[in-house]
N, C-alpha and C. Protein backbone atom coordinates (compact mmCIF):
# COMPACT_ATOMS: atom_id res chain seq x y z
N MET A 1 -88.91 19.11 -15.25
CA MET A 1 -89.85 18.13 -15.76
C MET A 1 -89.50 16.75 -15.16
N ALA A 2 -90.50 16.08 -14.66
CA ALA A 2 -90.28 14.76 -14.05
C ALA A 2 -90.22 13.69 -15.12
N ASN A 3 -89.34 12.75 -14.92
CA ASN A 3 -89.26 11.59 -15.82
C ASN A 3 -89.81 10.39 -15.08
N PHE A 4 -90.89 9.84 -15.58
CA PHE A 4 -91.50 8.69 -14.95
C PHE A 4 -90.95 7.42 -15.56
N GLU A 5 -90.77 6.43 -14.72
CA GLU A 5 -90.33 5.12 -15.16
C GLU A 5 -91.38 4.10 -14.76
N SER A 6 -91.49 3.08 -15.56
CA SER A 6 -92.42 2.01 -15.26
C SER A 6 -91.71 0.96 -14.40
N ASN A 7 -92.40 0.51 -13.37
CA ASN A 7 -91.85 -0.57 -12.54
C ASN A 7 -92.05 -1.93 -13.19
N TYR A 8 -92.93 -1.98 -14.20
CA TYR A 8 -93.28 -3.25 -14.84
C TYR A 8 -93.23 -3.09 -16.35
N SER A 9 -93.11 -4.22 -17.04
CA SER A 9 -93.02 -4.22 -18.50
C SER A 9 -94.16 -5.04 -19.09
N ILE A 10 -94.37 -4.89 -20.39
CA ILE A 10 -95.34 -5.71 -21.09
C ILE A 10 -94.98 -7.18 -20.89
N ASP A 11 -95.96 -8.00 -20.65
CA ASP A 11 -95.86 -9.45 -20.38
C ASP A 11 -95.50 -9.78 -18.94
N ASP A 12 -95.33 -8.78 -18.06
CA ASP A 12 -95.09 -9.08 -16.64
C ASP A 12 -96.40 -9.54 -16.00
N SER A 13 -96.31 -10.57 -15.17
CA SER A 13 -97.46 -11.01 -14.38
C SER A 13 -97.46 -10.20 -13.08
N ILE A 14 -98.62 -9.66 -12.76
CA ILE A 14 -98.73 -8.77 -11.60
C ILE A 14 -100.06 -9.01 -10.86
N THR A 15 -100.18 -8.35 -9.72
CA THR A 15 -101.43 -8.25 -8.99
C THR A 15 -101.90 -6.81 -9.17
N PHE A 16 -103.21 -6.62 -9.32
CA PHE A 16 -103.72 -5.26 -9.50
C PHE A 16 -105.11 -5.13 -8.90
N ILE A 17 -105.50 -3.90 -8.66
CA ILE A 17 -106.86 -3.58 -8.22
C ILE A 17 -107.49 -2.77 -9.35
N PRO A 18 -108.59 -3.27 -9.92
CA PRO A 18 -109.22 -2.54 -11.03
C PRO A 18 -109.70 -1.16 -10.57
N MET A 19 -109.76 -0.24 -11.50
CA MET A 19 -110.26 1.09 -11.19
C MET A 19 -111.76 0.99 -10.84
N PHE A 20 -112.24 1.92 -10.02
CA PHE A 20 -113.61 1.88 -9.51
C PHE A 20 -114.63 1.75 -10.63
N LYS A 21 -114.49 2.56 -11.68
CA LYS A 21 -115.46 2.55 -12.78
C LYS A 21 -115.54 1.18 -13.44
N GLN A 22 -114.39 0.55 -13.68
CA GLN A 22 -114.39 -0.77 -14.32
C GLN A 22 -114.99 -1.82 -13.42
N ALA A 23 -114.67 -1.78 -12.15
CA ALA A 23 -115.24 -2.74 -11.21
C ALA A 23 -116.76 -2.60 -11.14
N THR A 24 -117.23 -1.37 -11.11
CA THR A 24 -118.67 -1.10 -11.06
C THR A 24 -119.36 -1.59 -12.32
N GLU A 25 -118.78 -1.30 -13.48
CA GLU A 25 -119.38 -1.72 -14.75
C GLU A 25 -119.48 -3.24 -14.85
N MET A 26 -118.51 -3.96 -14.28
CA MET A 26 -118.51 -5.42 -14.34
C MET A 26 -119.28 -6.05 -13.18
N GLY A 27 -119.66 -5.25 -12.20
CA GLY A 27 -120.37 -5.79 -11.05
C GLY A 27 -119.48 -6.65 -10.17
N ILE A 28 -118.20 -6.27 -10.08
CA ILE A 28 -117.26 -7.02 -9.24
C ILE A 28 -116.72 -6.11 -8.15
N ALA A 29 -116.16 -6.72 -7.12
CA ALA A 29 -115.56 -5.94 -6.03
C ALA A 29 -114.24 -5.34 -6.50
N GLN A 30 -113.89 -4.23 -5.90
CA GLN A 30 -112.62 -3.60 -6.21
C GLN A 30 -111.57 -4.23 -5.30
N GLU A 31 -111.16 -5.45 -5.66
CA GLU A 31 -110.21 -6.21 -4.86
C GLU A 31 -109.07 -6.72 -5.73
N GLU A 32 -108.04 -7.24 -5.11
CA GLU A 32 -106.86 -7.69 -5.84
C GLU A 32 -107.20 -8.81 -6.82
N MET A 33 -106.63 -8.67 -8.03
CA MET A 33 -106.76 -9.67 -9.08
C MET A 33 -105.37 -9.89 -9.65
N GLU A 34 -105.18 -10.99 -10.36
CA GLU A 34 -103.90 -11.23 -11.02
C GLU A 34 -104.09 -11.13 -12.53
N GLY A 35 -103.03 -10.69 -13.21
CA GLY A 35 -103.11 -10.55 -14.64
C GLY A 35 -101.75 -10.31 -15.26
N THR A 36 -101.78 -9.98 -16.55
CA THR A 36 -100.57 -9.74 -17.33
C THR A 36 -100.66 -8.38 -18.00
N ILE A 37 -99.60 -7.62 -17.92
CA ILE A 37 -99.56 -6.29 -18.53
C ILE A 37 -99.48 -6.43 -20.06
N VAL A 38 -100.37 -5.72 -20.76
CA VAL A 38 -100.37 -5.75 -22.22
C VAL A 38 -99.99 -4.39 -22.82
N SER A 39 -99.99 -3.33 -22.00
CA SER A 39 -99.63 -2.01 -22.51
C SER A 39 -99.20 -1.13 -21.33
N VAL A 40 -98.25 -0.23 -21.60
CA VAL A 40 -97.79 0.74 -20.61
C VAL A 40 -97.91 2.12 -21.25
N ARG A 41 -98.52 3.08 -20.49
CA ARG A 41 -98.73 4.42 -21.01
C ARG A 41 -98.21 5.44 -20.00
N PHE A 42 -97.57 6.47 -20.51
CA PHE A 42 -97.02 7.53 -19.66
C PHE A 42 -97.73 8.85 -19.95
N THR A 43 -98.01 9.60 -18.90
CA THR A 43 -98.50 10.97 -19.04
C THR A 43 -97.50 11.87 -18.32
N LYS A 44 -97.80 13.14 -18.23
CA LYS A 44 -96.89 14.04 -17.52
C LYS A 44 -96.79 13.70 -16.04
N ALA A 45 -97.85 13.14 -15.50
CA ALA A 45 -97.89 12.95 -14.05
C ALA A 45 -98.01 11.49 -13.59
N LYS A 46 -98.33 10.57 -14.46
CA LYS A 46 -98.62 9.20 -14.02
C LYS A 46 -98.18 8.16 -15.05
N VAL A 47 -98.15 6.92 -14.57
CA VAL A 47 -97.96 5.75 -15.43
C VAL A 47 -99.24 4.93 -15.33
N PHE A 48 -99.75 4.48 -16.48
CA PHE A 48 -100.97 3.67 -16.53
C PHE A 48 -100.67 2.36 -17.26
N TYR A 49 -101.39 1.31 -16.87
CA TYR A 49 -101.21 0.00 -17.47
C TYR A 49 -102.54 -0.51 -18.01
N ASP A 50 -102.48 -1.24 -19.12
CA ASP A 50 -103.61 -2.06 -19.56
C ASP A 50 -103.24 -3.48 -19.17
N ILE A 51 -104.17 -4.15 -18.50
CA ILE A 51 -103.89 -5.47 -17.92
C ILE A 51 -104.98 -6.44 -18.30
N ILE A 52 -104.61 -7.61 -18.82
CA ILE A 52 -105.59 -8.66 -19.06
C ILE A 52 -105.58 -9.55 -17.83
N ASP A 53 -106.76 -9.69 -17.23
CA ASP A 53 -106.78 -10.46 -15.98
C ASP A 53 -106.88 -11.95 -16.26
N ASP A 54 -106.41 -12.73 -15.30
CA ASP A 54 -106.32 -14.18 -15.44
C ASP A 54 -107.66 -14.89 -15.29
N TYR A 55 -108.64 -14.26 -14.65
CA TYR A 55 -109.90 -14.94 -14.37
C TYR A 55 -110.95 -14.68 -15.46
N TYR A 56 -111.19 -13.41 -15.77
CA TYR A 56 -112.24 -13.05 -16.74
C TYR A 56 -111.72 -13.00 -18.17
N GLY A 57 -110.41 -12.83 -18.35
CA GLY A 57 -109.85 -12.66 -19.68
C GLY A 57 -110.20 -11.30 -20.28
N LYS A 58 -110.49 -10.34 -19.42
CA LYS A 58 -110.87 -8.99 -19.84
C LYS A 58 -109.66 -8.07 -19.70
N VAL A 59 -109.54 -7.12 -20.63
CA VAL A 59 -108.49 -6.12 -20.53
C VAL A 59 -109.02 -4.95 -19.70
N PHE A 60 -108.36 -4.69 -18.60
CA PHE A 60 -108.67 -3.53 -17.76
C PHE A 60 -107.75 -2.41 -18.22
N THR A 61 -108.31 -1.33 -18.74
CA THR A 61 -107.51 -0.25 -19.32
C THR A 61 -107.24 0.85 -18.30
N ASN A 62 -106.14 1.53 -18.51
CA ASN A 62 -105.77 2.70 -17.71
C ASN A 62 -105.77 2.44 -16.21
N VAL A 63 -105.20 1.33 -15.81
CA VAL A 63 -105.07 1.04 -14.38
C VAL A 63 -103.91 1.88 -13.84
N ASP A 64 -104.20 2.70 -12.86
CA ASP A 64 -103.20 3.58 -12.26
C ASP A 64 -102.05 2.76 -11.67
N SER A 65 -100.84 3.23 -11.85
CA SER A 65 -99.67 2.50 -11.35
C SER A 65 -99.72 2.27 -9.83
N SER A 66 -100.45 3.11 -9.11
CA SER A 66 -100.56 2.93 -7.66
C SER A 66 -101.43 1.72 -7.30
N ASN A 67 -102.12 1.15 -8.29
CA ASN A 67 -102.96 -0.03 -8.08
C ASN A 67 -102.33 -1.31 -8.63
N VAL A 68 -101.04 -1.28 -8.94
CA VAL A 68 -100.35 -2.43 -9.54
C VAL A 68 -99.21 -2.84 -8.61
N TYR A 69 -99.14 -4.16 -8.33
CA TYR A 69 -98.18 -4.69 -7.36
C TYR A 69 -97.55 -5.98 -7.88
N PRO A 70 -96.41 -6.35 -7.32
CA PRO A 70 -95.86 -7.66 -7.69
C PRO A 70 -96.75 -8.77 -7.13
N ILE A 71 -96.74 -9.91 -7.78
CA ILE A 71 -97.52 -11.05 -7.28
C ILE A 71 -96.90 -11.52 -5.97
N LYS A 72 -97.74 -11.74 -4.99
CA LYS A 72 -97.26 -12.20 -3.69
C LYS A 72 -96.81 -13.65 -3.80
N GLN A 73 -95.64 -13.90 -3.29
CA GLN A 73 -95.10 -15.26 -3.29
C GLN A 73 -95.41 -15.91 -1.95
N LEU A 74 -95.93 -17.10 -2.00
CA LEU A 74 -96.18 -17.82 -0.75
C LEU A 74 -94.88 -18.37 -0.20
N ASP A 75 -94.68 -18.19 1.07
CA ASP A 75 -93.46 -18.68 1.71
C ASP A 75 -93.78 -20.04 2.32
N ILE A 76 -93.61 -21.08 1.52
CA ILE A 76 -93.94 -22.44 1.96
C ILE A 76 -92.66 -23.12 2.45
N LYS A 77 -92.71 -23.59 3.67
CA LYS A 77 -91.55 -24.26 4.24
C LYS A 77 -91.84 -25.75 4.38
N ALA A 78 -90.87 -26.56 4.01
CA ALA A 78 -91.05 -28.00 4.08
C ALA A 78 -90.77 -28.52 5.47
């Protein structure tokens, strides 16, 4: 039996791509968004996140872990 671990925790700020169905229902592109994890769910085969996005304030449910990434840091040099 596989043991899945979450790469992120509740309250982590992340970048994510909404699932196709949610993007379609909202009439938005399936592109990277930023948000905060509000729930982590485990199944036998996957890890899913509920994420409240920073722009719409909507909770995107059951976002597949393969669509969740760390926030990109800009490398600004003085």
